[in-house]
Amino acid sequence: MPHSSPPSILVVDDEADICQNLADILQEFGYEVHTASCGAEALEKIRSRTFDVALLDLKMPGMDGVTLYKTIREQRGDIVSLIVTAYANPQTIKDALHAGVWQVLSKPVDLQQLLTFVSDAVEQPLVMVVDDDVDLCHNLWDVFRARGMRSCTAHTEQEALQRISERQFEVILVDLKLPTGDGRHVLEKIRSTAPDTRAILITGHPEELLKDAEPTPLPDAICYKPFEMSQLLETIERFARRTR
């Protein structure tokens, strides 16, 4: 799905010169860039707006880059994070990637490699999972990340509607039964405000669908729990290609 505004990047580094240099370079290539000098400032910024990519220094006072990344993942899983470090030993890289960081860059930064990684990151399909099952959401996040997709989660109808107002998603998976609402209301919001987004209704209660001859509004697909993961991924990737 084409970006309606420039992709946004958050650069986090306690060394002001490095932070500003990276910001200047990325701005020259058309990105909207914000900076933070520590983990606390970075978290404050991601709570107030959305970002597509975060460049995180590994060694910072108070909160290191991997710890910061884990908090970002819990709050805004759709941000693709890269660690930038002068201490890129094999164990550091392994730990960062295991935590879910997408790439690790060594200092001094290879600018061509950085630009390639950032470009690839913002082109990844954006998927949201709306489900109150936290474990399921975490598992799907891991699967989607491994398939080169950005994803975030929402556990209530209200949270999902807020996310939809902030982002353009290629695909949204919506659980039929939510603890504080109905998945159909989320479908209605998608259809009214994001008609290009593909919606997949997910449910472990097919009998609920039988109550209506046709669910209104109609989803683009229905997937039943427990998922056949290969089929689910094929459906998501097919829908994502259509919206790009």
Protein backbone atom coordinates (compact mmCIF):
# COMPACT_ATOMS: atom_id res chain seq x y z
CA MET A 1 0.00 0.00 0.00
CA PRO A 2 1.60 3.32 -0.99
CA HIS A 3 2.71 5.59 1.83
CA SER A 4 0.45 8.65 2.16
CA SER A 5 3.25 10.43 4.03
CA PRO A 6 7.03 9.90 4.27
CA PRO A 7 8.05 6.85 6.30
CA SER A 8 9.02 7.87 9.82
CA ILE A 9 12.20 6.82 11.59
CA LEU A 10 13.27 7.16 15.23
CA VAL A 11 17.03 7.37 15.83
CA VAL A 12 18.10 6.66 19.42
CA ASP A 13 21.71 7.28 20.47
CA ASP A 14 23.25 8.98 23.49
CA GLU A 15 26.00 10.45 21.28
CA ALA A 16 24.43 13.62 19.92
CA ASP A 17 26.73 13.93 16.88
CA ILE A 18 26.04 10.38 15.69
CA CYS A 19 22.32 10.84 16.26
CA GLN A 20 22.20 14.06 14.26
CA ASN A 21 24.41 12.76 11.45
CA LEU A 22 22.17 9.74 10.91
CA ALA A 23 19.09 11.95 11.05
CA ASP A 24 20.51 14.37 8.46
CA ILE A 25 21.40 11.55 6.06
CA LEU A 26 18.00 9.88 6.33
CA GLN A 27 16.18 13.19 5.90
CA GLU A 28 18.10 13.79 2.66
CA PHE A 29 16.57 10.56 1.34
CA GLY A 30 13.05 11.71 2.10
CA TYR A 31 12.39 10.11 5.48
CA GLU A 32 10.76 11.89 8.39
CA VAL A 33 13.24 11.54 11.25
CA HIS A 34 12.94 12.08 15.00
CA THR A 35 15.74 11.60 17.53
CA ALA A 36 16.06 10.59 21.16
CA SER A 37 19.13 10.51 23.41
CA CYS A 38 18.02 7.72 25.75
CA GLY A 39 15.52 4.91 26.19
CA ALA A 40 13.09 6.92 28.31
CA GLU A 41 12.89 9.70 25.72
CA ALA A 42 12.43 7.15 22.94
CA LEU A 43 9.52 5.48 24.74
CA GLU A 44 7.88 8.84 25.33
CA LYS A 45 8.03 9.54 21.59
CA ILE A 46 6.62 6.19 20.48
CA ARG A 47 3.68 6.66 22.84
CA SER A 48 2.82 9.97 21.20
CA ARG A 49 3.11 9.01 17.50
CA THR A 50 3.76 6.14 15.10
CA PHE A 51 7.11 5.17 13.58
CA ASP A 52 7.99 2.73 10.82
CA VAL A 53 11.61 2.06 11.81
CA ALA A 54 13.73 2.55 14.94
CA LEU A 55 17.55 2.68 14.92
CA LEU A 56 18.68 1.83 18.45
CA ASP A 57 22.16 2.23 19.86
CA LEU A 58 23.14 -0.86 21.84
CA LYS A 59 25.14 0.76 24.64
CA MET A 60 23.32 3.64 26.32
CA PRO A 61 23.14 4.82 29.94
CA GLY A 62 20.13 3.57 31.86
CA MET A 63 18.60 1.30 29.23
CA ASP A 64 20.50 -0.63 26.57
CA GLY A 65 19.22 -1.04 23.03
CA VAL A 66 17.96 -4.61 23.41
CA THR A 67 16.01 -3.79 26.58
CA LEU A 68 14.56 -0.74 24.84
CA TYR A 69 13.64 -2.87 21.84
CA LYS A 70 11.75 -5.38 24.00
CA THR A 71 9.65 -2.57 25.45
CA ILE A 72 9.01 -1.10 22.01
CA ARG A 73 7.93 -4.52 20.76
CA GLU A 74 5.37 -4.84 23.56
CA GLN A 75 3.96 -1.37 22.97
CA ARG A 76 4.33 -0.93 19.20
CA GLY A 77 5.18 -4.22 17.55
CA ASP A 78 4.77 -2.72 14.07
CA ILE A 79 8.02 -0.75 14.42
CA VAL A 80 10.91 -2.51 12.67
CA SER A 81 13.96 -2.13 14.90
CA LEU A 82 17.64 -2.22 14.00
CA ILE A 83 20.45 -2.25 16.56
CA VAL A 84 23.49 -0.06 15.84
CA THR A 85 26.59 -0.96 17.82
CA ALA A 86 30.35 -0.74 18.03
CA TYR A 87 30.28 -4.04 19.97
CA ALA A 88 28.96 -6.38 17.28
CA ASN A 89 30.44 -9.64 18.54
CA PRO A 90 28.66 -12.88 17.53
CA GLN A 91 26.91 -13.29 20.90
CA THR A 92 25.61 -9.71 20.84
CA ILE A 93 24.19 -10.22 17.37
CA LYS A 94 22.66 -13.56 18.35
CA ASP A 95 21.00 -12.11 21.46
CA ALA A 96 19.58 -9.14 19.56
CA LEU A 97 18.19 -11.23 16.71
CA HIS A 98 16.75 -13.77 19.14
CA ALA A 99 14.87 -10.95 20.88
CA GLY A 100 13.28 -10.03 17.54
CA VAL A 101 15.51 -7.21 16.29
CA TRP A 102 15.45 -7.28 12.50
CA GLN A 103 19.08 -6.38 11.74
CA VAL A 104 22.30 -5.45 13.58
CA LEU A 105 24.57 -2.77 12.10
CA SER A 106 28.17 -2.18 13.13
CA LYS A 107 29.64 1.24 13.84
CA PRO A 108 30.91 3.09 11.92
CA VAL A 109 27.70 2.60 9.97
CA ASP A 110 27.92 1.52 6.33
CA LEU A 111 25.53 4.10 4.87
CA GLN A 112 24.59 2.07 1.81
CA GLN A 113 23.77 -0.92 4.00
CA LEU A 114 21.76 1.30 6.35
CA LEU A 115 19.74 2.81 3.51
CA THR A 116 19.07 -0.63 2.04
CA PHE A 117 17.88 -2.01 5.38
CA VAL A 118 15.63 1.00 6.02
CA SER A 119 14.15 0.86 2.52
CA ASP A 120 13.47 -2.87 2.87
CA ALA A 121 11.93 -2.36 6.32
CA VAL A 122 9.38 0.26 5.27
CA GLU A 123 8.32 -1.89 2.30
CA GLN A 124 7.37 -4.84 4.49
CA PRO A 125 3.62 -5.53 4.49
CA LEU A 126 1.87 -4.21 7.60
CA VAL A 127 -0.47 -6.66 9.34
CA MET A 128 -2.56 -6.30 12.51
CA VAL A 129 -3.98 -9.09 14.65
CA VAL A 130 -7.04 -8.21 16.72
CA ASP A 131 -7.53 -10.94 19.32
CA ASP A 132 -7.73 -11.08 23.12
CA ASP A 133 -5.59 -14.24 23.19
CA VAL A 134 -2.20 -12.74 24.10
CA ASP A 135 -0.25 -15.95 23.49
CA LEU A 136 -1.77 -16.35 20.04
CA CYS A 137 -0.88 -12.75 19.19
CA HIS A 138 2.72 -13.26 20.30
CA ASN A 139 3.02 -16.47 18.30
CA LEU A 140 1.61 -14.86 15.16
CA TRP A 141 3.95 -11.88 15.61
CA ASP A 142 6.94 -14.25 15.59
CA VAL A 143 5.66 -16.07 12.51
CA PHE A 144 4.96 -12.86 10.60
CA ARG A 145 8.34 -11.36 11.56
CA ALA A 146 10.08 -14.48 10.23
CA ARG A 147 8.17 -14.06 6.94
CA GLY A 148 9.29 -10.45 6.52
CA MET A 149 6.09 -8.76 7.64
CA ARG A 150 5.57 -5.95 10.12
CA SER A 151 2.80 -6.63 12.57
CA CYS A 152 1.11 -5.24 15.63
CA THR A 153 -1.62 -6.50 17.91
CA ALA A 154 -4.77 -5.19 19.54
CA HIS A 155 -6.65 -7.06 22.26
CA THR A 156 -9.88 -5.04 22.39
CA GLU A 157 -12.22 -3.41 19.92
CA GLN A 158 -11.26 0.05 21.20
CA GLU A 159 -7.54 -0.63 20.81
CA ALA A 160 -8.08 -1.95 17.28
CA LEU A 161 -10.07 1.12 16.24
CA GLN A 162 -7.30 3.37 17.59
CA ARG A 163 -4.66 1.48 15.58
CA ILE A 164 -6.76 1.72 12.41
CA SER A 165 -7.01 5.49 12.85
CA GLU A 166 -3.19 5.73 13.07
CA ARG A 167 -2.00 3.35 10.36
CA GLN A 168 -2.66 2.02 6.89
CA PHE A 169 -2.62 -1.77 7.09
CA GLU A 170 -2.41 -4.17 4.18
CA VAL A 171 -4.17 -6.95 6.13
CA ILE A 172 -6.07 -7.09 9.43
CA LEU A 173 -7.03 -10.33 11.18
CA VAL A 174 -10.07 -9.80 13.41
CA ASP A 175 -11.35 -12.23 16.02
CA LEU A 176 -15.14 -12.53 15.90
CA LYS A 177 -15.54 -12.52 19.69
CA LEU A 178 -13.74 -9.78 21.62
CA PRO A 179 -14.00 -9.19 25.38
CA THR A 180 -15.29 -5.63 25.07
CA GLY A 181 -16.93 -5.67 21.67
CA ASP A 182 -17.62 -7.52 18.46
CA GLY A 183 -15.23 -8.19 15.60
CA ARG A 184 -17.96 -7.10 13.19
CA HIS A 185 -17.64 -3.54 14.51
CA VAL A 186 -13.95 -3.59 13.62
CA LEU A 187 -14.84 -4.87 10.14
CA GLU A 188 -17.27 -1.98 9.74
CA LYS A 189 -14.52 0.49 10.65
CA ILE A 190 -12.14 -1.10 8.15
CA ARG A 191 -14.70 -0.95 5.36
CA SER A 192 -15.64 2.68 6.08
CA THR A 193 -12.17 4.16 6.62
CA ALA A 194 -9.68 1.80 4.95
CA PRO A 195 -11.39 0.18 1.95
CA ASP A 196 -8.08 -1.01 0.46
CA THR A 197 -7.24 -3.02 3.59
CA ARG A 198 -7.98 -6.75 3.37
CA ALA A 199 -9.88 -8.12 6.37
CA ILE A 200 -9.72 -11.73 7.57
CA LEU A 201 -12.27 -12.80 10.16
CA ILE A 202 -10.85 -15.39 12.56
CA THR A 203 -12.91 -17.49 14.93
CA GLY A 204 -12.98 -20.64 16.98
CA HIS A 205 -16.78 -20.45 17.09
CA PRO A 206 -18.12 -21.20 13.60
CA GLU A 207 -21.61 -21.60 15.08
CA GLU A 208 -21.63 -17.84 15.69
CA LEU A 209 -21.34 -17.25 11.95
CA LEU A 210 -24.29 -19.52 11.28
CA LYS A 211 -26.55 -17.12 13.17
CA ASP A 212 -26.22 -14.73 10.22
CA ALA A 213 -26.81 -15.91 6.68
CA GLU A 214 -24.05 -13.49 5.67
CA PRO A 215 -21.81 -11.66 8.15
CA THR A 216 -22.19 -7.92 7.64
CA PRO A 217 -19.94 -6.43 6.50
CA LEU A 218 -18.38 -9.28 4.58
CA PRO A 219 -14.71 -10.08 5.32
CA ASP A 220 -12.33 -10.91 2.50
CA ALA A 221 -11.73 -14.33 4.06
CA ILE A 222 -12.65 -16.40 7.10
CA CYS A 223 -10.09 -18.57 8.92
CA TYR A 224 -11.02 -21.00 11.66
CA LYS A 225 -9.03 -21.76 14.80
CA PRO A 226 -6.87 -23.73 15.23
CA PHE A 227 -5.20 -22.34 12.12
CA GLU A 228 -3.68 -24.26 9.29
CA MET A 229 -0.66 -21.95 9.38
CA SER A 230 0.54 -22.50 5.81
CA GLN A 231 -2.94 -21.69 4.49
CA LEU A 232 -3.23 -18.60 6.70
CA LEU A 233 0.17 -17.30 5.56
CA GLU A 234 -0.64 -17.93 1.91
CA THR A 235 -3.88 -15.94 2.28
CA ILE A 236 -2.18 -13.02 4.04
CA GLU A 237 0.68 -12.84 1.55
CA ARG A 238 -1.73 -13.02 -1.39
CA PHE A 239 -3.82 -10.17 0.03
CA ALA A 240 -0.70 -8.12 0.83
CA ARG A 241 0.50 -8.40 -2.77
CA ARG A 242 -2.85 -7.15 -4.07
CA THR A 243 -2.76 -3.98 -1.96
CA ARG A 244 0.78 -2.93 -2.88
